[in-house]
Amino acid sequence: MGELKGLRPLSVVGYYTVLALIALASLGPVAWVVLSSLKTNPQILSNAGSLPDPLSFDGYINAFTQVDLTRALLNTFIYAVGGTMGAMVTGFLAAYPTSRLFFRGRRLAIVAFSVALAIPLVGLIVPEFFIVRYLGLFDSKLGLILFYTGMFFPLSFVIMRAFLVSLPFEMEEAATIDGAGYFTILARIVAPLAFPGLITVAVLVFIFIWNEYFFAQLLTISFENLNVQVTLAEFRSSFQRDTAAQLAGTTVAMSVPIITFLFLQRYVISGLTAGASR
């Protein structure tokens, strides 16, 4: 609130009005999806802007019966957790030596890992597809988990390195003098201190993977391996008239990352702002 003290009352009102409009524009579609999922199909088609009257849960029932939404949610959870753990661990192991140690090629490694974050993966579709297929990982859960690990490694590295640079080095020096090994220091000293940064990476990568559609469709084809986003798209094409069921499935799918972020947002904010003053 300190940045608002020097503003005039009218300026403050305008400031909050703009923020309210932005919030309304962002949350309006979400609220519409949630409310429409509690309607019947005739109610949605006849008056899309009205409130559900009466409440109907037929869309949720159809979403879990007409399409195996439970399987899709479980697949997405496996991909999100596996890819998040892979990106978080590899990013942490790469960020620590580049933020603490000095060795030949250190700057090159930092630049290479950081620049990889700016490379548009869509432009690498063909080699990515053939590499995954050559390794025998096409249409497999392991293949998609490893792909997501590599896809989000640069993001994990950049965030973790910024956070580790902001941490004091004295405790690690004391542990080294006491004879602690490299991985002992990582596990018992650095990891607990870097917990907000690790949570930040985990939340961001988890949400990105949970909402990812393009590569999940590209690298999986069998019904047993589809994630929830691809399943909802197939559901729409198979049951075009059951709009309520699709909106119900969308509500269930988007509630997971929203709840995850709301519970862990303070760690995300502290992790993203770490190292900003350096």
Protein backbone atom coordinates (compact mmCIF):
# COMPACT_ATOMS: atom_id res chain seq x y z
CA MET A 1 0.00 0.00 0.00
CA GLY A 2 3.02 2.29 0.33
CA GLU A 3 3.08 3.07 -3.37
CA LEU A 4 -0.48 4.50 -3.15
CA LYS A 5 0.20 7.05 -0.40
CA GLY A 6 1.34 9.75 -2.80
CA LEU A 7 -1.70 9.40 -5.07
CA ARG A 8 -4.80 11.58 -4.94
CA PRO A 9 -8.11 9.98 -3.84
CA LEU A 10 -9.44 10.01 -7.41
CA SER A 11 -6.26 8.36 -8.62
CA VAL A 12 -6.64 5.64 -5.99
CA VAL A 13 -10.25 5.06 -7.09
CA GLY A 14 -9.14 4.81 -10.69
CA TYR A 15 -6.32 2.45 -9.71
CA TYR A 16 -8.67 0.04 -7.97
CA THR A 17 -11.28 0.38 -10.72
CA VAL A 18 -8.76 -0.79 -13.30
CA LEU A 19 -7.74 -3.70 -11.05
CA ALA A 20 -11.39 -4.64 -10.53
CA LEU A 21 -12.04 -4.63 -14.28
CA ILE A 22 -8.98 -6.81 -14.90
CA ALA A 23 -10.11 -9.22 -12.18
CA LEU A 24 -13.62 -9.33 -13.62
CA ALA A 25 -12.31 -10.00 -17.12
CA SER A 26 -10.12 -12.81 -15.77
CA LEU A 27 -12.62 -14.45 -13.43
CA GLY A 28 -15.75 -13.87 -15.50
CA PRO A 29 -15.20 -16.79 -17.93
CA VAL A 30 -14.27 -19.09 -15.02
CA ALA A 31 -17.45 -18.21 -13.15
CA TRP A 32 -19.51 -18.73 -16.30
CA VAL A 33 -18.05 -22.23 -16.83
CA VAL A 34 -18.71 -23.23 -13.21
CA LEU A 35 -22.29 -21.91 -13.20
CA SER A 36 -23.10 -23.36 -16.61
CA SER A 37 -21.87 -26.79 -15.50
CA LEU A 38 -24.75 -26.80 -13.00
CA LYS A 39 -27.36 -26.28 -15.72
CA THR A 40 -29.06 -28.63 -18.13
CA ASN A 41 -28.30 -28.46 -21.83
CA PRO A 42 -31.62 -26.70 -22.68
CA GLN A 43 -30.88 -24.04 -20.03
CA ILE A 44 -27.41 -23.39 -21.46
CA LEU A 45 -28.66 -23.17 -25.04
CA SER A 46 -31.71 -21.03 -24.27
CA ASN A 47 -30.15 -18.52 -21.87
CA ALA A 48 -26.39 -18.85 -21.41
CA GLY A 49 -26.17 -15.83 -19.10
CA SER A 50 -28.75 -16.91 -16.55
CA LEU A 51 -28.15 -18.54 -13.18
CA PRO A 52 -28.84 -22.28 -12.84
CA ASP A 53 -32.44 -22.75 -11.71
CA PRO A 54 -32.80 -25.42 -10.52
CA LEU A 55 -29.32 -26.81 -9.93
CA SER A 56 -28.54 -29.84 -12.07
CA PHE A 57 -25.65 -32.27 -11.56
CA ASP A 58 -26.41 -34.30 -14.68
CA GLY A 59 -23.40 -32.79 -16.42
CA TYR A 60 -21.03 -34.12 -13.76
CA ILE A 61 -22.65 -37.54 -13.82
CA ASN A 62 -22.39 -37.73 -17.61
CA ALA A 63 -18.78 -36.49 -17.55
CA PHE A 64 -17.72 -39.45 -15.43
CA THR A 65 -19.95 -42.04 -17.10
CA GLN A 66 -19.90 -41.23 -20.83
CA VAL A 67 -16.13 -40.64 -20.78
CA ASP A 68 -13.66 -42.19 -18.34
CA LEU A 69 -12.76 -38.84 -16.81
CA THR A 70 -11.32 -40.54 -13.71
CA ARG A 71 -8.69 -42.31 -15.80
CA ALA A 72 -7.83 -39.08 -17.61
CA LEU A 73 -7.44 -37.19 -14.31
CA LEU A 74 -5.21 -39.96 -12.94
CA ASN A 75 -3.04 -39.91 -16.08
CA THR A 76 -2.70 -36.14 -15.86
CA PHE A 77 -1.77 -36.39 -12.19
CA ILE A 78 0.93 -38.95 -13.01
CA TYR A 79 2.33 -36.76 -15.80
CA ALA A 80 2.21 -33.61 -13.66
CA VAL A 81 3.81 -35.16 -10.57
CA GLY A 82 6.44 -37.11 -12.53
CA GLY A 83 7.39 -34.20 -14.77
CA THR A 84 7.41 -31.78 -11.84
CA MET A 85 9.69 -33.99 -9.75
CA GLY A 86 12.02 -34.53 -12.70
CA ALA A 87 12.26 -30.84 -13.59
CA MET A 88 12.61 -29.79 -9.94
CA VAL A 89 15.41 -32.26 -9.11
CA THR A 90 17.42 -31.70 -12.30
CA GLY A 91 16.97 -27.93 -12.09
CA PHE A 92 18.09 -27.91 -8.45
CA LEU A 93 21.15 -30.11 -9.13
CA ALA A 94 22.18 -27.87 -12.04
CA ALA A 95 21.45 -24.58 -10.27
CA TYR A 96 23.48 -25.29 -7.13
CA PRO A 97 26.97 -25.69 -8.67
CA THR A 98 26.44 -22.77 -11.06
CA SER A 99 25.43 -20.52 -8.17
CA ARG A 100 28.07 -21.64 -5.64
CA LEU A 101 31.09 -23.08 -7.46
CA PHE A 102 33.49 -21.54 -9.95
CA PHE A 103 34.67 -23.81 -12.74
CA ARG A 104 35.59 -23.63 -16.39
CA GLY A 105 32.48 -23.38 -18.57
CA ARG A 106 30.29 -22.11 -15.73
CA ARG A 107 29.13 -18.99 -17.56
CA LEU A 108 28.52 -20.98 -20.72
CA ALA A 109 26.35 -23.45 -18.82
CA ILE A 110 24.35 -20.64 -17.21
CA VAL A 111 23.77 -18.93 -20.55
CA ALA A 112 22.90 -22.19 -22.33
CA PHE A 113 20.40 -23.33 -19.70
CA SER A 114 18.84 -19.86 -19.45
CA VAL A 115 18.60 -19.25 -23.20
CA ALA A 116 16.89 -22.64 -23.58
CA LEU A 117 13.94 -21.08 -21.77
CA ALA A 118 13.42 -18.69 -24.70
CA ILE A 119 13.49 -21.37 -27.41
CA PRO A 120 9.96 -21.96 -28.78
CA LEU A 121 9.34 -25.69 -28.45
CA VAL A 122 6.68 -25.56 -31.15
CA GLY A 123 9.48 -24.93 -33.64
CA LEU A 124 11.13 -28.19 -32.57
CA ILE A 125 8.07 -30.39 -33.05
CA VAL A 126 9.57 -32.63 -35.74
CA PRO A 127 12.87 -33.51 -34.01
CA GLU A 128 11.10 -33.89 -30.65
CA PHE A 129 8.61 -36.32 -32.15
CA PHE A 130 11.23 -38.45 -33.90
CA ILE A 131 13.58 -38.50 -30.89
CA VAL A 132 10.80 -39.74 -28.61
CA ARG A 133 9.78 -42.30 -31.19
CA TYR A 134 13.37 -43.44 -31.82
CA LEU A 135 13.85 -44.04 -28.09
CA GLY A 136 10.77 -46.24 -28.05
CA LEU A 137 8.91 -43.89 -25.70
CA PHE A 138 6.12 -42.81 -28.02
CA ASP A 139 2.63 -43.26 -26.56
CA SER A 140 3.94 -44.13 -23.11
CA LYS A 141 3.60 -42.49 -19.72
CA LEU A 142 7.36 -42.63 -19.15
CA GLY A 143 8.02 -40.92 -22.47
CA LEU A 144 5.72 -38.00 -21.67
CA ILE A 145 7.12 -37.66 -18.14
CA LEU A 146 10.70 -37.50 -19.47
CA PHE A 147 9.65 -35.04 -22.15
CA TYR A 148 8.05 -32.74 -19.58
CA THR A 149 11.17 -33.03 -17.41
CA GLY A 150 13.31 -31.73 -20.24
CA MET A 151 10.71 -29.21 -21.33
CA PHE A 152 10.55 -27.47 -17.94
CA PHE A 153 14.17 -27.96 -16.87
CA PRO A 154 15.20 -24.44 -18.04
CA LEU A 155 12.37 -22.82 -16.06
CA SER A 156 13.34 -24.81 -12.97
CA PHE A 157 17.01 -23.91 -13.40
CA VAL A 158 16.40 -20.16 -13.76
CA ILE A 159 14.11 -19.96 -10.72
CA MET A 160 16.28 -22.16 -8.51
CA ARG A 161 19.50 -20.38 -9.39
CA ALA A 162 17.95 -16.97 -8.65
CA PHE A 163 16.82 -18.28 -5.28
CA LEU A 164 20.11 -20.00 -4.38
CA VAL A 165 22.11 -16.87 -5.19
CA SER A 166 20.11 -15.02 -2.53
CA LEU A 167 20.94 -17.56 0.20
CA PRO A 168 23.88 -17.04 2.61
CA PHE A 169 26.91 -19.26 2.09
CA GLU A 170 28.19 -19.41 5.69
CA MET A 171 26.27 -22.54 6.76
CA GLU A 172 27.57 -24.49 3.79
CA GLU A 173 31.13 -23.39 4.53
CA ALA A 174 30.77 -24.50 8.16
CA ALA A 175 29.38 -27.86 7.06
CA THR A 176 32.29 -28.31 4.62
CA ILE A 177 34.80 -27.61 7.42
CA ASP A 178 33.01 -30.21 9.58
CA GLY A 179 33.55 -32.79 6.84
CA ALA A 180 30.08 -32.93 5.27
CA GLY A 181 29.99 -34.23 1.72
CA TYR A 182 28.55 -32.53 -1.35
CA PHE A 183 25.22 -34.36 -1.39
CA THR A 184 24.92 -34.20 2.41
CA ILE A 185 25.12 -30.42 2.21
CA LEU A 186 22.58 -30.39 -0.60
CA ALA A 187 20.09 -32.60 1.25
CA ARG A 188 20.43 -31.34 4.83
CA ILE A 189 21.31 -27.66 4.44
CA VAL A 190 20.60 -26.26 0.99
CA ALA A 191 17.32 -28.05 0.25
CA PRO A 192 15.58 -26.93 3.49
CA LEU A 193 16.76 -23.35 2.97
CA ALA A 194 15.64 -23.46 -0.67
CA PHE A 195 12.20 -24.86 0.19
CA PRO A 196 10.27 -21.76 -1.05
CA GLY A 197 12.14 -21.91 -4.35
CA LEU A 198 11.48 -25.64 -4.72
CA ILE A 199 7.78 -25.11 -3.98
CA THR A 200 7.67 -22.29 -6.54
CA VAL A 201 9.09 -24.57 -9.22
CA ALA A 202 6.79 -27.40 -8.20
CA VAL A 203 3.62 -25.30 -8.33
CA LEU A 204 4.42 -23.57 -11.64
CA VAL A 205 5.56 -26.72 -13.45
CA PHE A 206 2.66 -28.76 -12.04
CA ILE A 207 0.14 -26.20 -13.32
CA PHE A 208 1.81 -25.94 -16.74
CA ILE A 209 1.87 -29.72 -17.19
CA TRP A 210 -1.69 -30.13 -15.91
CA ASN A 211 -2.96 -27.64 -18.49
CA GLU A 212 -0.71 -28.83 -21.33
CA TYR A 213 -2.54 -30.04 -24.43
CA PHE A 214 -0.40 -29.82 -27.56
CA PHE A 215 2.45 -32.22 -26.75
CA ALA A 216 0.16 -34.57 -24.85
CA GLN A 217 -1.81 -34.96 -28.06
CA LEU A 218 1.35 -35.23 -30.18
CA LEU A 219 3.13 -37.89 -28.11
CA THR A 220 0.21 -40.07 -27.01
CA ILE A 221 -2.41 -41.80 -29.08
CA SER A 222 -3.94 -44.65 -27.11
CA PHE A 223 -7.01 -44.01 -25.00
CA GLU A 224 -5.27 -45.35 -21.87
CA ASN A 225 -2.53 -42.67 -21.99
CA LEU A 226 -4.53 -39.52 -22.82
CA ASN A 227 -4.46 -36.69 -20.31
CA VAL A 228 -7.56 -34.78 -19.20
CA GLN A 229 -7.12 -31.91 -21.67
CA VAL A 230 -7.01 -34.22 -24.69
CA THR A 231 -9.85 -36.30 -23.25
CA LEU A 232 -12.05 -33.22 -22.90
CA ALA A 233 -11.31 -32.29 -26.52
CA GLU A 234 -12.24 -35.79 -27.67
CA PHE A 235 -15.31 -35.62 -25.45
CA ARG A 236 -16.42 -32.44 -27.16
CA SER A 237 -16.05 -33.97 -30.61
CA SER A 238 -17.85 -37.17 -29.59
CA PHE A 239 -20.70 -35.61 -27.61
CA GLN A 240 -21.23 -32.19 -29.12
CA ARG A 241 -24.75 -31.79 -27.74
CA ASP A 242 -23.83 -32.55 -24.11
CA THR A 243 -22.43 -29.11 -23.37
CA ALA A 244 -23.16 -29.39 -19.65
CA ALA A 245 -21.04 -32.53 -19.35
CA GLN A 246 -18.09 -30.92 -21.09
CA LEU A 247 -18.32 -27.83 -18.89
CA ALA A 248 -18.54 -30.06 -15.82
CA GLY A 249 -15.39 -31.90 -16.87
CA THR A 250 -13.67 -28.58 -17.51
CA THR A 251 -14.66 -27.36 -14.05
CA VAL A 252 -13.19 -30.45 -12.40
CA ALA A 253 -9.99 -30.20 -14.45
CA MET A 254 -9.35 -26.51 -13.78
CA SER A 255 -10.16 -26.74 -10.07
CA VAL A 256 -7.00 -28.76 -9.35
CA PRO A 257 -4.40 -26.12 -10.39
CA ILE A 258 -6.50 -23.31 -8.92
CA ILE A 259 -6.69 -24.98 -5.50
CA THR A 260 -2.99 -25.90 -5.67
CA PHE A 261 -1.97 -22.31 -6.34
CA LEU A 262 -4.28 -20.84 -3.68
CA PHE A 263 -2.79 -23.06 -0.97
CA LEU A 264 0.84 -22.45 -1.98
CA GLN A 265 0.75 -18.92 -3.39
CA ARG A 266 2.86 -17.37 -0.61
CA TYR A 267 5.72 -19.73 -1.42
CA VAL A 268 5.37 -18.98 -5.12
CA ILE A 269 5.55 -15.22 -4.54
CA SER A 270 8.60 -15.48 -2.26
CA GLY A 271 10.33 -17.80 -4.70
CA LEU A 272 9.69 -15.60 -7.73
CA THR A 273 10.92 -12.44 -5.94
CA ALA A 274 14.07 -14.11 -4.56
CA GLY A 275 17.26 -12.60 -5.88
CA ALA A 276 15.42 -9.56 -7.26
CA SER A 277 17.69 -7.22 -5.30
CA ARG A 278 20.88 -8.82 -6.57
